Amino acid sequence: MAESIGVWIFGARGSVATSLITGARAIARGLTPTTGLVTELSDFKALRLTGLDRLVFGGHELRSDVTLEQAARELRDGPRIIPHEIHAALLEDYAQIDRDIRPATTMGCGKTIRSLSRQSVLDDSMTPRLVVDQIQADIADFKKRHELRRVVAINLASTEPFVESMPPFYANLAAFRKALKDGQDGFTAAALYAYAALDAGCPYINFTPSHGSDFPALCELALEKKLPHCGRDGKTGETLMKTVLAPMFVARNLKVMSWEGHNIFGNRDAVVLNDPKNNEAKIRGKDRALRDILGEDPNLHTRVRIDYCPSLDDWKTAWNFIHFQGFLGTKMILQFIWQGCDSMLAAPLALDLIRLADFAHRSGESGPMKQVSCFFKDPLDVETHDFWKQWQILKNYVQARGNNTGTASDERAGKAARGRA
């Protein structure tokens, strides 16, 4: 029987997590096609990635007053993105997974995220060290009960408030561990999630704009533990379009003078991003990608807005206005409107990353997963934000690893055949 792997989700009853779990279980049951999953493209078959039917889910969640089934029902009846028949077919799955969801922490998350939580979050009186200990105990219990050899951790929680500069102890692992032991101020939930997961031996994915494994102390920890990790902030909609289109202007030597982007949506993430501090953490990554591709022209005007529009629910609408200059200084305009379902754009990418992180771990890789830069607005250790260059990095990786996997597999098959002869 094929080996199962654990998937530990921070934000386990959020819209993206609920969509991810629903999609994985629905595909495993043959209820829906694999459309939207990059890892289901033919190029990836040689990697022999873990099947979606072999993923076992658990995690941490702030909202204790909502079950996973109720979270799915919200997506069924509100934005209508989970079909009734799929929801009905997965009732037992939701109940089973719910038993593996534990209370989360609101440490350093700001007032807006704290307002989403009810009782049964990790006690505010707990020190950062105790929070880490509890997270690791929860993961260890999950791993033991399901007899799992490997667990991949992913952060799908809400965006934390922007921090201008991290405390000094984030600069190296020894200082971070000492601060944790001493109970110093300055820890955030995202940082504690990343530390706890990596220290427990789990490959780590940060799909949020919050700081996770991207600062020096945790990059050092990932290398110490020989673990792959990646992030930050999944690239699913408007920024995806920007990083696809902006290289076209560069390649055609067209001068972009202004690029305005305006996003509106109304789900729970939008409620959090309605707080200016949380909003700033999100828009910085969206704007930086564009400027990195177009160049540091001091006259270039760029701006990104994200506004809360309750009636849209999970349907995000982004309008972009691009004012550019061509031959003989002729000024021209390109506009586009992107309307997509926020959770259903993010969920398959998160599943892709889980499978690729597990593959990297099995392959003995450690450190930043540069090959998955095309999935992120702020990828680790990759210079370019150009989607096509990032996509080529992934294709090259898949081709190289696929060849190695095939060769190793053929050798194992040959040895087995010789043993039977």
Protein backbone atom coordinates (compact mmCIF):
# COMPACT_ATOMS: atom_id res chain seq x y z
CA MET A 1 0.00 0.00 0.00
CA ALA A 2 1.23 3.52 -0.84
CA GLU A 3 2.52 5.53 2.09
CA SER A 4 0.35 8.27 3.60
CA ILE A 5 1.70 11.66 4.72
CA GLY A 6 0.34 14.10 7.25
CA VAL A 7 -0.64 17.65 6.34
CA TRP A 8 -0.72 20.01 9.33
CA ILE A 9 -2.56 23.26 8.52
CA PHE A 10 -2.34 26.46 10.54
CA GLY A 11 -5.74 28.04 9.90
CA ALA A 12 -7.39 24.65 9.39
CA ARG A 13 -11.01 25.83 9.14
CA GLY A 14 -10.35 28.92 7.05
CA SER A 15 -11.73 29.27 3.53
CA VAL A 16 -8.54 28.19 1.76
CA ALA A 17 -7.94 25.23 4.09
CA THR A 18 -11.57 24.10 3.82
CA SER A 19 -11.40 24.35 0.02
CA LEU A 20 -8.09 22.47 -0.03
CA ILE A 21 -9.38 19.64 2.15
CA THR A 22 -12.65 19.44 0.21
CA GLY A 23 -10.82 19.36 -3.11
CA ALA A 24 -8.32 16.70 -2.05
CA ARG A 25 -11.02 14.41 -0.66
CA ALA A 26 -13.36 14.99 -3.62
CA ILE A 27 -10.60 14.16 -6.13
CA ALA A 28 -9.64 11.08 -4.12
CA ARG A 29 -13.26 9.90 -4.33
CA GLY A 30 -13.50 10.63 -8.07
CA LEU A 31 -16.10 13.36 -7.54
CA THR A 32 -14.26 16.16 -9.36
CA PRO A 33 -11.45 16.56 -11.92
CA THR A 34 -7.94 17.80 -11.10
CA THR A 35 -8.30 21.11 -12.98
CA GLY A 36 -6.18 23.85 -11.36
CA LEU A 37 -3.54 21.49 -9.92
CA VAL A 38 -0.16 22.24 -11.48
CA THR A 39 1.24 18.96 -10.18
CA GLU A 40 -1.31 17.05 -12.25
CA LEU A 41 0.26 18.31 -15.50
CA SER A 42 1.92 15.51 -17.47
CA ASP A 43 5.45 16.88 -16.84
CA PHE A 44 5.11 16.09 -13.13
CA LYS A 45 4.18 12.42 -13.49
CA ALA A 46 7.83 11.32 -13.47
CA LEU A 47 8.20 12.67 -9.90
CA ARG A 48 5.73 10.09 -8.58
CA LEU A 49 4.28 12.58 -6.12
CA THR A 50 2.19 11.40 -3.20
CA GLY A 51 -1.41 10.84 -4.29
CA LEU A 52 -4.11 13.12 -2.95
CA ASP A 53 -5.83 10.05 -1.51
CA ARG A 54 -2.79 9.55 0.76
CA LEU A 55 -3.01 12.95 2.50
CA VAL A 56 -4.12 12.91 6.14
CA PHE A 57 -5.23 16.31 7.46
CA GLY A 58 -5.04 18.00 10.84
CA GLY A 59 -4.10 21.42 12.15
CA HIS A 60 -4.63 24.42 14.39
CA GLU A 61 -7.54 26.86 14.20
CA LEU A 62 -8.68 29.97 16.08
CA ARG A 63 -12.41 29.56 15.52
CA SER A 64 -13.63 26.97 17.97
CA ASP A 65 -17.32 27.83 17.41
CA VAL A 66 -17.31 26.47 13.83
CA THR A 67 -16.74 22.88 12.70
CA LEU A 68 -15.03 22.00 9.45
CA GLU A 69 -18.37 20.83 8.05
CA GLN A 70 -19.93 24.20 8.96
CA ALA A 71 -17.01 26.02 7.32
CA ALA A 72 -17.64 23.98 4.16
CA ARG A 73 -21.36 24.72 4.39
CA GLU A 74 -20.56 28.45 4.56
CA LEU A 75 -18.70 28.11 1.25
CA ARG A 76 -21.55 26.04 -0.17
CA ASP A 77 -24.33 28.47 0.75
CA GLY A 78 -22.49 31.83 0.64
CA PRO A 79 -20.22 32.18 -2.40
CA ARG A 80 -21.52 28.78 -3.65
CA ILE A 81 -18.11 27.40 -4.46
CA ILE A 82 -18.55 23.96 -2.91
CA PRO A 83 -21.27 22.01 -4.74
CA HIS A 84 -24.08 20.56 -2.61
CA GLU A 85 -23.39 17.01 -3.78
CA ILE A 86 -19.69 17.19 -2.85
CA HIS A 87 -20.48 18.67 0.56
CA ALA A 88 -23.00 15.89 1.22
CA ALA A 89 -20.56 13.18 0.11
CA LEU A 90 -17.84 14.41 2.49
CA LEU A 91 -19.75 14.77 5.77
CA GLU A 92 -17.95 11.82 7.31
CA ASP A 93 -14.57 13.12 6.10
CA TYR A 94 -15.19 16.54 7.65
CA ALA A 95 -16.13 14.98 10.99
CA GLN A 96 -13.07 12.71 10.97
CA ILE A 97 -10.65 15.55 10.17
CA ASP A 98 -12.26 17.83 12.76
CA ARG A 99 -11.06 15.45 15.47
CA ASP A 100 -7.49 16.37 14.50
CA ILE A 101 -7.92 20.16 14.68
CA ARG A 102 -6.52 21.83 17.81
CA PRO A 103 -6.72 25.35 19.32
CA ALA A 104 -4.41 27.95 17.74
CA THR A 105 -2.65 30.97 19.23
CA THR A 106 -3.31 34.69 18.70
CA MET A 107 0.11 35.78 19.94
CA GLY A 108 1.25 38.88 18.02
CA CYS A 109 -1.70 38.64 15.62
CA GLY A 110 -3.26 42.04 16.34
CA LYS A 111 -6.75 42.99 17.46
CA THR A 112 -8.55 42.17 14.20
CA ILE A 113 -7.44 38.54 14.08
CA ARG A 114 -8.00 38.20 17.82
CA SER A 115 -11.60 39.30 17.26
CA LEU A 116 -12.16 36.21 15.06
CA SER A 117 -11.24 33.83 17.86
CA ARG A 118 -13.45 32.52 20.62
CA GLN A 119 -12.54 30.54 23.70
CA SER A 120 -10.37 27.46 23.36
CA VAL A 121 -7.44 29.27 21.76
CA LEU A 122 -4.05 28.57 23.32
CA ASP A 123 -4.09 30.43 26.63
CA ASP A 124 -2.84 34.03 26.47
CA SER A 125 -0.98 33.43 29.72
CA MET A 126 1.25 30.84 28.04
CA THR A 127 4.83 31.81 27.27
CA PRO A 128 6.10 31.53 23.66
CA ARG A 129 8.04 28.41 24.72
CA LEU A 130 4.88 26.77 26.06
CA VAL A 131 3.00 27.64 22.89
CA VAL A 132 5.72 25.95 20.82
CA ASP A 133 5.68 22.93 23.13
CA GLN A 134 1.91 22.57 22.75
CA ILE A 135 2.03 22.91 18.96
CA GLN A 136 4.72 20.23 18.78
CA ALA A 137 2.81 17.96 21.14
CA ASP A 138 -0.27 18.29 18.92
CA ILE A 139 1.73 17.42 15.78
CA ALA A 140 3.46 14.48 17.52
CA ASP A 141 0.12 13.10 18.71
CA PHE A 142 -1.35 13.44 15.20
CA LYS A 143 1.66 11.70 13.68
CA LYS A 144 1.57 8.85 16.18
CA ARG A 145 -2.17 8.17 16.02
CA HIS A 146 -2.17 8.01 12.21
CA GLU A 147 1.15 6.13 12.05
CA LEU A 148 2.73 8.72 9.76
CA ARG A 149 6.42 8.83 8.93
CA ARG A 150 6.28 12.38 7.56
CA VAL A 151 4.20 15.51 8.16
CA VAL A 152 4.26 18.65 5.99
CA ALA A 153 3.18 21.88 7.71
CA ILE A 154 1.57 24.82 5.91
CA ASN A 155 0.44 28.23 7.17
CA LEU A 156 -2.92 29.26 5.69
CA ALA A 157 -3.88 31.58 8.56
CA SER A 158 -4.92 35.23 8.25
CA THR A 159 -2.40 37.96 7.42
CA GLU A 160 -0.73 39.35 10.53
CA PRO A 161 -0.09 43.10 10.98
CA PHE A 162 2.91 44.59 9.18
CA VAL A 163 6.08 44.88 11.28
CA GLU A 164 8.62 47.47 10.14
CA SER A 165 11.57 45.65 11.68
CA MET A 166 11.80 42.30 13.40
CA PRO A 167 13.36 42.01 16.90
CA PRO A 168 17.16 41.42 16.87
CA PHE A 169 16.81 37.81 18.00
CA TYR A 170 15.28 36.89 14.61
CA ALA A 171 18.76 37.36 13.13
CA ASN A 172 20.22 34.02 14.26
CA LEU A 173 19.01 30.72 15.65
CA ALA A 174 20.91 30.78 18.94
CA ALA A 175 19.46 34.20 19.81
CA PHE A 176 15.98 33.07 18.75
CA ARG A 177 16.13 30.00 20.97
CA LYS A 178 17.42 32.05 23.90
CA ALA A 179 14.61 34.60 23.47
CA LEU A 180 12.13 31.73 23.35
CA LYS A 181 13.54 30.27 26.55
CA ASP A 182 13.58 33.67 28.29
CA GLY A 183 10.03 34.50 27.22
CA GLN A 184 10.96 37.75 25.45
CA ASP A 185 8.37 39.90 23.69
CA GLY A 186 8.25 40.14 19.90
CA PHE A 187 7.11 36.66 18.87
CA THR A 188 4.19 36.27 16.48
CA ALA A 189 1.97 33.28 15.81
CA ALA A 190 3.42 32.83 12.31
CA ALA A 191 6.98 32.76 13.63
CA LEU A 192 6.06 30.29 16.37
CA TYR A 193 4.23 28.06 13.88
CA ALA A 194 7.27 28.02 11.59
CA TYR A 195 9.71 27.34 14.42
CA ALA A 196 7.56 24.63 16.00
CA ALA A 197 7.04 22.82 12.69
CA LEU A 198 10.67 22.94 11.53
CA ASP A 199 12.01 22.04 14.96
CA ALA A 200 9.63 19.05 14.95
CA GLY A 201 11.06 17.86 11.61
CA CYS A 202 8.30 19.06 9.27
CA PRO A 203 8.95 20.68 5.88
CA TYR A 204 7.32 24.12 6.05
CA ILE A 205 5.26 26.21 3.62
CA ASN A 206 4.27 29.80 4.35
CA PHE A 207 1.38 30.67 2.02
CA THR A 208 0.68 33.92 3.91
CA PRO A 209 2.29 37.40 3.76
CA SER A 210 3.23 37.05 7.45
CA HIS A 211 6.86 36.42 8.36
CA GLY A 212 7.39 32.68 8.74
CA SER A 213 10.53 30.79 7.81
CA ASP A 214 11.98 33.65 5.73
CA PHE A 215 14.09 35.35 8.43
CA PRO A 216 17.69 34.23 9.14
CA ALA A 217 17.08 32.33 12.39
CA LEU A 218 14.57 29.96 10.82
CA CYS A 219 16.48 29.63 7.56
CA GLU A 220 19.30 28.43 9.80
CA LEU A 221 16.95 26.04 11.62
CA ALA A 222 15.75 24.51 8.32
CA LEU A 223 19.36 23.77 7.34
CA GLU A 224 20.15 22.39 10.78
CA LYS A 225 17.18 20.02 10.56
CA LYS A 226 17.87 19.27 6.85
CA LEU A 227 14.38 20.38 5.83
CA PRO A 228 12.99 22.15 2.74
CA HIS A 229 10.85 25.24 3.23
CA CYS A 230 9.23 27.90 1.05
CA GLY A 231 7.10 31.03 1.02
CA ARG A 232 5.92 33.83 1.16
CA ASP A 233 2.37 34.83 0.13
CA GLY A 234 0.73 32.68 -2.53
CA LYS A 235 0.52 34.27 -5.99
CA THR A 236 -3.00 33.46 -7.14
CA GLY A 237 -4.73 36.33 -8.93
CA GLU A 238 -3.93 39.95 -9.65
CA THR A 239 -0.20 39.64 -8.88
CA LEU A 240 -0.04 36.52 -11.04
CA MET A 241 -1.40 38.59 -13.93
CA LYS A 242 1.06 41.39 -13.22
CA THR A 243 4.07 39.08 -13.22
CA VAL A 244 2.88 37.55 -16.50
CA LEU A 245 2.12 40.85 -18.27
CA ALA A 246 4.93 43.09 -16.98
CA PRO A 247 7.70 41.10 -18.76
CA MET A 248 5.85 41.74 -22.04
CA PHE A 249 6.32 45.50 -21.66
CA VAL A 250 10.01 45.01 -20.87
CA ALA A 251 10.51 42.66 -23.84
CA ARG A 252 8.83 45.11 -26.26
CA ASN A 253 10.70 48.12 -24.82
CA LEU A 254 7.46 49.85 -23.89
CA LYS A 255 7.76 52.31 -21.02
CA VAL A 256 5.21 51.80 -18.26
CA MET A 257 4.45 55.16 -16.65
CA SER A 258 1.67 54.16 -14.25
CA TRP A 259 0.16 50.91 -13.01
CA GLU A 260 -2.83 51.17 -10.70
CA GLY A 261 -4.42 48.12 -9.13
CA HIS A 262 -7.62 48.05 -7.12
CA ASN A 263 -8.86 44.86 -5.41
CA ILE A 264 -12.22 44.34 -3.73
CA PHE A 265 -13.55 41.21 -2.01
CA GLY A 266 -15.62 40.29 1.01
CA ASN A 267 -14.54 37.08 2.73
CA ARG A 268 -12.98 36.68 6.18
CA ASP A 269 -9.53 37.51 4.82
CA ALA A 270 -10.96 40.78 3.53
CA VAL A 271 -12.27 41.55 7.02
CA VAL A 272 -8.73 41.12 8.37
CA LEU A 273 -7.22 43.18 5.52
CA ASN A 274 -9.69 45.96 6.28
CA ASP A 275 -7.38 46.71 9.21
CA PRO A 276 -4.71 49.13 7.84
CA LYS A 277 -1.85 47.34 9.64
CA ASN A 278 -2.76 43.96 8.18
CA ASN A 279 -3.47 45.56 4.81
CA GLU A 280 0.03 47.03 4.61
CA ALA A 281 1.61 43.61 5.10
CA LYS A 282 -0.30 42.36 2.06
CA ILE A 283 0.13 45.20 -0.44
CA ARG A 284 3.90 45.53 -0.02
CA GLY A 285 4.54 42.19 -1.68
CA LYS A 286 2.04 42.90 -4.45
CA ASP A 287 3.75 46.19 -5.36
CA ARG A 288 7.35 44.99 -4.99
CA ALA A 289 6.99 42.26 -7.63
CA LEU A 290 5.92 44.78 -10.25
CA ARG A 291 8.72 47.25 -9.55
CA ASP A 292 11.33 44.50 -9.60
CA ILE A 293 10.28 43.48 -13.12
CA LEU A 294 9.84 46.98 -14.59
CA GLY A 295 12.98 48.40 -12.98
CA GLU A 296 13.58 51.09 -10.41
CA ASP A 297 12.39 54.02 -12.50
CA PRO A 298 11.87 56.96 -10.07
CA ASN A 299 9.13 58.31 -12.34
CA LEU A 300 7.16 55.05 -12.39
CA HIS A 301 3.90 55.36 -10.48
CA THR A 302 2.49 52.18 -8.95
CA ARG A 303 -0.22 51.71 -6.36
CA VAL A 304 -2.21 48.79 -4.99
CA ARG A 305 -5.45 49.03 -3.03
CA ILE A 306 -7.32 46.24 -1.27
CA ASP A 307 -10.78 47.15 -0.01
CA TYR A 308 -13.49 45.24 1.80
CA CYS A 309 -16.73 44.76 -0.14
CA PRO A 310 -18.99 42.47 1.95
CA SER A 311 -21.44 41.43 -0.78
CA LEU A 312 -18.68 39.91 -2.94
CA ASP A 313 -17.84 37.27 -0.32
CA ASP A 314 -15.09 34.99 -1.73
CA TRP A 315 -15.25 36.47 -5.23
CA LYS A 316 -12.34 38.85 -5.63
CA THR A 317 -12.48 41.52 -8.35
CA ALA A 318 -9.30 43.32 -9.41
CA TRP A 319 -9.20 46.20 -11.87
CA ASN A 320 -5.82 47.22 -13.29
CA PHE A 321 -5.07 50.39 -15.27
CA ILE A 322 -1.75 50.47 -17.14
CA HIS A 323 -0.60 53.71 -18.78
CA PHE A 324 2.39 53.14 -21.05
CA GLN A 325 4.43 54.88 -23.72
CA GLY A 326 5.38 53.52 -27.13
CA PHE A 327 7.09 54.66 -30.34
CA LEU A 328 7.45 58.44 -30.75
CA GLY A 329 6.29 58.84 -27.17
CA THR A 330 2.74 57.76 -28.01
CA LYS A 331 0.75 57.16 -24.82
CA MET A 332 -1.48 54.10 -24.68
CA ILE A 333 -3.62 52.28 -22.14
CA LEU A 334 -4.24 48.68 -21.18
CA GLN A 335 -6.95 47.80 -18.68
CA PHE A 336 -8.05 44.41 -17.41
CA ILE A 337 -10.52 43.09 -14.87
CA TRP A 338 -9.79 39.85 -13.05
CA GLN A 339 -12.63 38.23 -11.17
CA GLY A 340 -11.78 34.98 -9.46
CA CYS A 341 -12.77 32.90 -6.49
CA ASP A 342 -10.09 33.66 -3.93
CA SER A 343 -10.13 30.31 -2.11
CA MET A 344 -10.44 28.16 -5.23
CA LEU A 345 -7.45 29.87 -6.80
CA ALA A 346 -5.32 29.37 -3.68
CA ALA A 347 -6.37 25.85 -2.62
CA PRO A 348 -4.90 23.88 -5.56
CA LEU A 349 -1.61 25.78 -5.35
CA ALA A 350 -1.36 24.94 -1.65
CA LEU A 351 -1.93 21.27 -2.51
CA ASP A 352 0.77 21.49 -5.18
CA LEU A 353 3.20 22.94 -2.66
CA ILE A 354 2.42 20.24 -0.09
CA ARG A 355 3.18 17.51 -2.63
CA LEU A 356 6.35 19.25 -3.85
CA ALA A 357 7.60 19.92 -0.31
CA ASP A 358 7.05 16.26 0.56
CA PHE A 359 8.93 15.23 -2.59
CA ALA A 360 11.83 17.57 -1.77
CA HIS A 361 11.99 16.13 1.76
CA ARG A 362 11.99 12.54 0.48
CA SER A 363 14.73 13.51 -1.97
CA GLY A 364 16.98 14.77 0.82
CA GLU A 365 16.73 18.46 -0.10
CA SER A 366 17.02 21.20 2.49
CA GLY A 367 16.82 24.98 2.62
CA PRO A 368 14.71 27.31 0.45
CA MET A 369 12.72 25.61 -2.32
CA LYS A 370 13.75 27.96 -5.12
CA GLN A 371 11.98 25.76 -7.66
CA VAL A 372 8.52 26.85 -6.43
CA SER A 373 9.13 30.61 -6.73
CA CYS A 374 6.35 30.92 -9.35
CA PHE A 375 3.82 30.11 -6.60
CA PHE A 376 4.73 33.13 -4.45
CA LYS A 377 4.68 36.93 -4.46
CA ASP A 378 7.76 37.03 -2.21
CA PRO A 379 9.73 33.83 -2.94
CA LEU A 380 12.78 32.90 -0.88
CA ASP A 381 16.25 33.28 -2.39
CA VAL A 382 15.06 33.96 -5.97
CA GLU A 383 16.00 37.24 -7.63
CA THR A 384 13.38 37.39 -10.37
CA HIS A 385 9.64 38.02 -10.04
CA ASP A 386 9.09 37.35 -13.75
CA PHE A 387 6.56 34.51 -13.85
CA TRP A 388 7.97 32.98 -17.01
CA LYS A 389 11.52 32.84 -15.66
CA GLN A 390 10.20 31.37 -12.42
CA TRP A 391 8.15 28.82 -14.34
CA GLN A 392 11.27 27.79 -16.26
CA ILE A 393 13.09 27.22 -12.96
CA LEU A 394 10.32 24.83 -11.92
CA LYS A 395 10.29 23.06 -15.30
CA ASN A 396 14.06 22.57 -15.18
CA TYR A 397 13.79 21.18 -11.66
CA VAL A 398 11.00 18.77 -12.58
CA GLN A 399 12.87 17.55 -15.63
CA ALA A 400 16.10 16.99 -13.71
CA ARG A 401 14.41 15.37 -10.72
CA GLY A 402 12.10 13.33 -12.93
CA ASN A 403 15.07 11.86 -14.77
CA ASN A 404 16.80 11.00 -11.48
CA THR A 405 13.61 9.52 -10.03
CA GLY A 406 13.07 7.42 -13.11
CA THR A 407 16.67 6.20 -13.12
CA ALA A 408 16.57 5.32 -9.42
CA SER A 409 13.26 3.56 -9.89
CA ASP A 410 14.57 1.59 -12.86
CA GLU A 411 17.64 0.56 -10.85
CA ARG A 412 15.45 -0.63 -7.96
CA ALA A 413 13.26 -2.56 -10.40
CA GLY A 414 16.36 -4.13 -11.98
CA LYS A 415 17.74 -5.21 -8.62
CA ALA A 416 14.39 -6.71 -7.68
CA ALA A 417 14.23 -8.60 -10.96
CA ARG A 418 17.78 -9.92 -10.52
CA GLY A 419 16.90 -11.00 -7.00
CA ARG A 420 13.95 -13.03 -8.29
CA ALA A 421 16.00 -14.62 -11.07
